[in-house]
Every structure is written in structure tokens, then in C-alpha cells.
Amino acid sequence: MRLAALLAICLAALGVTSLVAVAGAHGRKAARSATGSARCRKHRHHRRRCARRSKGAHHTASGSHGGGKTGASTPPSGQPPAGGQPGSATPPPSPIGHLQVTEREFSIVPSRTTVAAGTVAVELDNRGEDPHNLRIENADGSGTSFDFGLAQPGSVSSQKLDLGPGTWKLYCTLPGHEAAGMHALITVGG
């Protein structure tokens, strides 16, 4: 049995499942785990782990060791680049709202009745025995409506929607389903 195969079996028995490299053609390189105990992969001429790796300036974007050079690296995150103003950074995007809509015969139940305006991740969960779909539209009929395709029983689908402030109507568009009770309202805040 080859040394590499034996080593792989031993590592598997120890619970190491992620291997970066397996024994090479010369049989001298041992299998390396992804935990960082590997040699410097950029500079294969090193006999041991790259000494500069542990100093935090291992490989820069230029592809060489960072070492003690100044001005060659990028500033740490949270600091503006050279010449930039601290207040000129773009504000972080607003958080995404989440809404789960559960459908059954014959009801629609949103996980909440109020969400913030903006991008909302809507998840449709069909827990019924029949296929259903979902339309989300402004209650006054204006603007854009959003449609989820036919969802088979037990299926889950999701979409990210841009919902503006107001009252939004959720309903199944299949014939007779809305009239049977498959509708709900949510409020989208400003």
C-alpha cells in the first residue's frame, strides 16, 4: 500500500476530512490538512512553514512577503484609504427584512403583519395538500405586483422584493382560493 493511501486512511480515522494536498509523485510530501499546518503554498522553496506567515504580513497583493515594508500594504478595514476623508464613506446598506408566508387550505398566514420598507426576503412555504401560488400587490392596486409561481405541496421558495410603504395584499390567484380565505394584509412601514 502506498504511503499516501495509508496516511489518508489514518487521517480519516482521526476525523480529518479536508485535505489540501496528498502525497506527491516523489512520495516525500505528506498530506496536509486545511488547518494551517501546511507549508507556505506560495513559496514552495521553504522547507518549513513560512516564518512570516505568523506575523500577519505574509503575502501582500503584489505576491511577495510583506515583511517590514511600509506603504506597500492596504490600510486595515475601518480606516479610510490614503487621502480619503473619514466621513466620505458610503453608508452601509439597510438590513433586509424577512417575511415567511405559510399557505394551507385555505389560509395564508404571514409570519408578521408589519415589515420595514425596502428589500424584504419573502419565503413562501406551502404546507397544504394542494398546489398554491402567491401574489403580493399594493392594496390600492397601484404600483408593481410580485408573483410567486405555482408551489407544490411541501415546497419552499423565496424572492427578494422591494416593497414601498403602505398596505400590501397577499393572496393565492388560483380560481376560488382567494374567496375561500387565502388572503392576508401586511403593513410596510416607511
Protein backbone atom coordinates (compact mmCIF):
# COMPACT_ATOMS: atom_id res chain seq x y z
CA MET A 1 0.00 0.00 0.00
CA ARG A 2 1.35 3.43 -0.87
CA LEU A 3 2.34 5.75 1.93
CA ALA A 4 -0.15 8.40 0.79
CA ALA A 5 -3.09 5.96 0.91
CA LEU A 6 -2.07 4.76 4.37
CA LEU A 7 -1.75 8.35 5.58
CA ALA A 8 -5.17 9.22 4.15
CA ILE A 9 -6.76 6.27 5.99
CA CYS A 10 -5.10 7.31 9.27
CA LEU A 11 -6.22 10.93 8.87
CA ALA A 12 -9.77 9.81 8.09
CA ALA A 13 -9.78 7.69 11.25
CA LEU A 14 -8.73 10.76 13.24
CA GLY A 15 -11.57 12.80 11.77
CA VAL A 16 -9.53 14.97 9.40
CA THR A 17 -11.80 15.31 6.38
CA SER A 18 -10.38 18.23 4.43
CA LEU A 19 -7.08 17.57 2.71
CA VAL A 20 -5.26 20.28 0.83
CA ALA A 21 -2.72 18.04 -0.85
CA VAL A 22 -1.98 14.33 -0.98
CA ALA A 23 1.45 12.77 -1.33
CA GLY A 24 3.20 13.95 -4.46
CA ALA A 25 4.83 11.96 -7.22
CA HIS A 26 8.07 11.64 -5.24
CA GLY A 27 6.25 10.35 -2.15
CA ARG A 28 8.00 12.90 0.09
CA LYS A 29 5.18 15.36 0.67
CA ALA A 30 2.79 14.34 3.42
CA ALA A 31 -0.89 15.07 3.20
CA ARG A 32 -1.67 18.50 4.61
CA SER A 33 -4.82 19.46 6.42
CA ALA A 34 -6.61 22.76 5.82
CA THR A 35 -5.98 23.87 9.40
CA GLY A 36 -2.92 25.92 8.53
CA SER A 37 -0.18 23.44 9.41
CA ALA A 38 0.82 23.31 5.76
CA ARG A 39 3.94 24.80 4.29
CA CYS A 40 3.77 28.15 2.61
CA ARG A 41 1.94 27.29 -0.62
CA LYS A 42 3.07 30.44 -2.43
CA HIS A 43 6.78 29.80 -1.91
CA ARG A 44 7.31 26.07 -2.24
CA HIS A 45 11.06 26.50 -1.70
CA HIS A 46 10.54 26.90 2.06
CA ARG A 47 11.46 23.79 3.99
CA ARG A 48 9.20 24.66 6.92
CA ARG A 49 6.15 26.79 7.42
CA CYS A 50 6.80 30.28 6.19
CA ALA A 51 8.14 32.21 9.21
CA ARG A 52 6.49 35.42 8.09
CA ARG A 53 3.05 33.82 7.96
CA SER A 54 2.53 34.16 11.69
CA LYS A 55 3.49 37.85 11.71
CA GLY A 56 0.30 38.92 9.88
CA ALA A 57 2.06 40.24 6.79
CA HIS A 58 2.56 37.02 4.89
CA HIS A 59 1.61 37.65 1.28
CA THR A 60 0.60 41.05 0.00
CA ALA A 61 -1.40 41.75 -3.14
CA SER A 62 1.90 42.07 -5.05
CA GLY A 63 2.56 38.40 -4.39
CA SER A 64 5.63 38.80 -2.19
CA HIS A 65 6.28 38.75 1.51
CA GLY A 66 5.08 41.92 3.25
CA GLY A 67 7.77 41.98 5.91
CA GLY A 68 8.71 45.43 7.18
CA LYS A 69 7.91 47.41 4.03
CA THR A 70 5.75 50.45 4.60
CA GLY A 71 3.30 51.93 2.15
CA ALA A 72 3.02 48.70 0.20
CA SER A 73 0.03 47.33 2.03
CA THR A 74 -3.56 48.44 2.20
CA PRO A 75 -4.86 50.11 5.36
CA PRO A 76 -6.76 47.96 7.85
CA SER A 77 -10.50 47.81 7.39
CA GLY A 78 -12.39 50.60 9.09
CA GLN A 79 -9.74 53.19 8.14
CA PRO A 80 -10.07 55.39 5.06
CA PRO A 81 -7.56 54.93 2.23
CA ALA A 82 -4.76 57.47 1.96
CA GLY A 83 -6.16 60.86 1.00
CA GLY A 84 -9.73 59.84 1.84
CA GLN A 85 -11.98 61.58 4.30
CA PRO A 86 -13.35 59.63 7.27
CA GLY A 87 -16.89 60.90 6.63
CA SER A 88 -16.86 60.27 2.88
CA ALA A 89 -17.51 56.51 3.14
CA THR A 90 -20.75 55.18 1.72
CA PRO A 91 -23.20 54.31 4.48
CA PRO A 92 -23.81 50.59 4.93
CA PRO A 93 -26.90 49.21 3.21
CA SER A 94 -30.02 48.96 5.30
CA PRO A 95 -30.76 45.50 6.68
CA ILE A 96 -33.02 43.19 4.73
CA GLY A 97 -36.42 42.47 6.23
CA HIS A 98 -37.72 38.91 6.36
CA LEU A 99 -41.25 37.62 5.90
CA GLN A 100 -42.36 34.00 5.83
CA VAL A 101 -45.74 33.30 4.26
CA THR A 102 -47.35 29.95 5.09
CA GLU A 103 -50.13 28.65 2.84
CA ARG A 104 -52.61 25.86 3.61
CA GLU A 105 -56.14 25.02 2.52
CA PHE A 106 -57.49 27.70 2.64
CA SER A 107 -55.46 30.27 4.53
CA ILE A 108 -52.42 32.50 4.18
CA VAL A 109 -50.54 33.33 7.37
CA PRO A 110 -47.64 35.84 7.26
CA SER A 111 -45.00 35.48 9.99
CA ARG A 112 -45.51 39.17 10.84
CA THR A 113 -48.00 41.82 9.89
CA THR A 114 -45.51 44.72 9.73
CA VAL A 115 -42.14 44.96 7.95
CA ALA A 116 -39.81 47.86 7.18
CA ALA A 117 -39.86 49.40 3.72
CA GLY A 118 -37.07 48.39 1.36
CA THR A 119 -35.73 44.99 0.41
CA VAL A 120 -37.70 42.18 2.01
CA ALA A 121 -36.80 38.50 1.67
CA VAL A 122 -40.16 36.74 1.29
CA GLU A 123 -40.29 32.98 1.75
CA LEU A 124 -43.35 31.06 0.54
CA ASP A 125 -43.93 27.81 2.42
CA ASN A 126 -46.75 25.64 1.02
CA ARG A 127 -47.81 23.37 3.89
CA GLY A 128 -51.08 22.42 2.25
CA GLU A 129 -52.08 19.35 0.33
CA ASP A 130 -52.76 21.21 -2.93
CA PRO A 131 -50.60 23.45 -5.11
CA HIS A 132 -50.87 27.20 -4.43
CA ASN A 133 -49.25 30.38 -5.67
CA LEU A 134 -48.83 33.85 -4.21
CA ARG A 135 -49.27 37.38 -5.46
CA ILE A 136 -48.18 40.40 -3.42
CA GLU A 137 -49.55 43.75 -4.57
CA ASN A 138 -50.28 47.16 -3.13
CA ALA A 139 -53.76 47.06 -1.58
CA ASP A 140 -54.87 50.13 -3.54
CA GLY A 141 -53.92 48.41 -6.81
CA SER A 142 -51.15 50.86 -7.70
CA GLY A 143 -47.53 50.03 -8.43
CA THR A 144 -45.89 46.74 -9.18
CA SER A 145 -47.17 43.34 -8.12
CA PHE A 146 -44.92 40.39 -7.32
CA ASP A 147 -45.80 36.82 -8.25
CA PHE A 148 -44.54 33.51 -6.90
CA GLY A 149 -45.10 30.62 -9.29
CA LEU A 150 -47.13 27.52 -8.53
CA ALA A 151 -45.76 25.95 -5.34
CA GLN A 152 -46.25 22.23 -4.94
CA PRO A 153 -47.22 20.81 -1.52
CA GLY A 154 -44.25 20.83 0.86
CA SER A 155 -42.19 23.19 -1.27
CA VAL A 156 -40.47 26.38 -0.14
CA SER A 157 -39.43 29.22 -2.45
CA SER A 158 -38.11 32.70 -1.80
CA GLN A 159 -37.64 36.04 -3.52
CA LYS A 160 -36.15 39.38 -2.52
CA LEU A 161 -38.74 42.08 -3.15
CA ASP A 162 -38.53 45.86 -2.98
CA LEU A 163 -41.63 46.87 -1.01
CA GLY A 164 -42.57 50.51 -0.59
CA PRO A 165 -44.53 51.94 2.35
CA GLY A 166 -48.23 51.15 2.53
CA THR A 167 -50.63 48.25 2.90
CA TRP A 168 -49.89 45.18 0.81
CA LYS A 169 -52.29 42.37 -0.08
CA LEU A 170 -51.12 38.75 -0.24
CA TYR A 171 -53.34 36.20 -1.95
CA CYS A 172 -53.48 32.99 -3.97
CA THR A 173 -54.56 33.67 -7.56
CA LEU A 174 -55.86 30.16 -8.29
CA PRO A 175 -59.61 30.12 -9.08
CA GLY A 176 -61.72 30.24 -5.91
CA HIS A 177 -58.77 30.22 -3.48
CA GLU A 178 -58.90 33.91 -2.53
CA ALA A 179 -62.65 33.72 -1.98
CA ALA A 180 -62.14 30.63 0.19
CA GLY A 181 -59.91 32.61 2.55
CA MET A 182 -56.44 32.59 1.03
CA HIS A 183 -55.68 36.29 1.53
CA ALA A 184 -53.90 38.47 4.09
CA LEU A 185 -52.71 42.05 4.55
CA ILE A 186 -49.35 43.35 5.76
CA THR A 187 -48.21 46.87 6.54
CA VAL A 188 -44.90 48.10 5.16
CA GLY A 189 -43.53 50.97 7.23
CA GLY A 190 -41.62 54.00 5.96
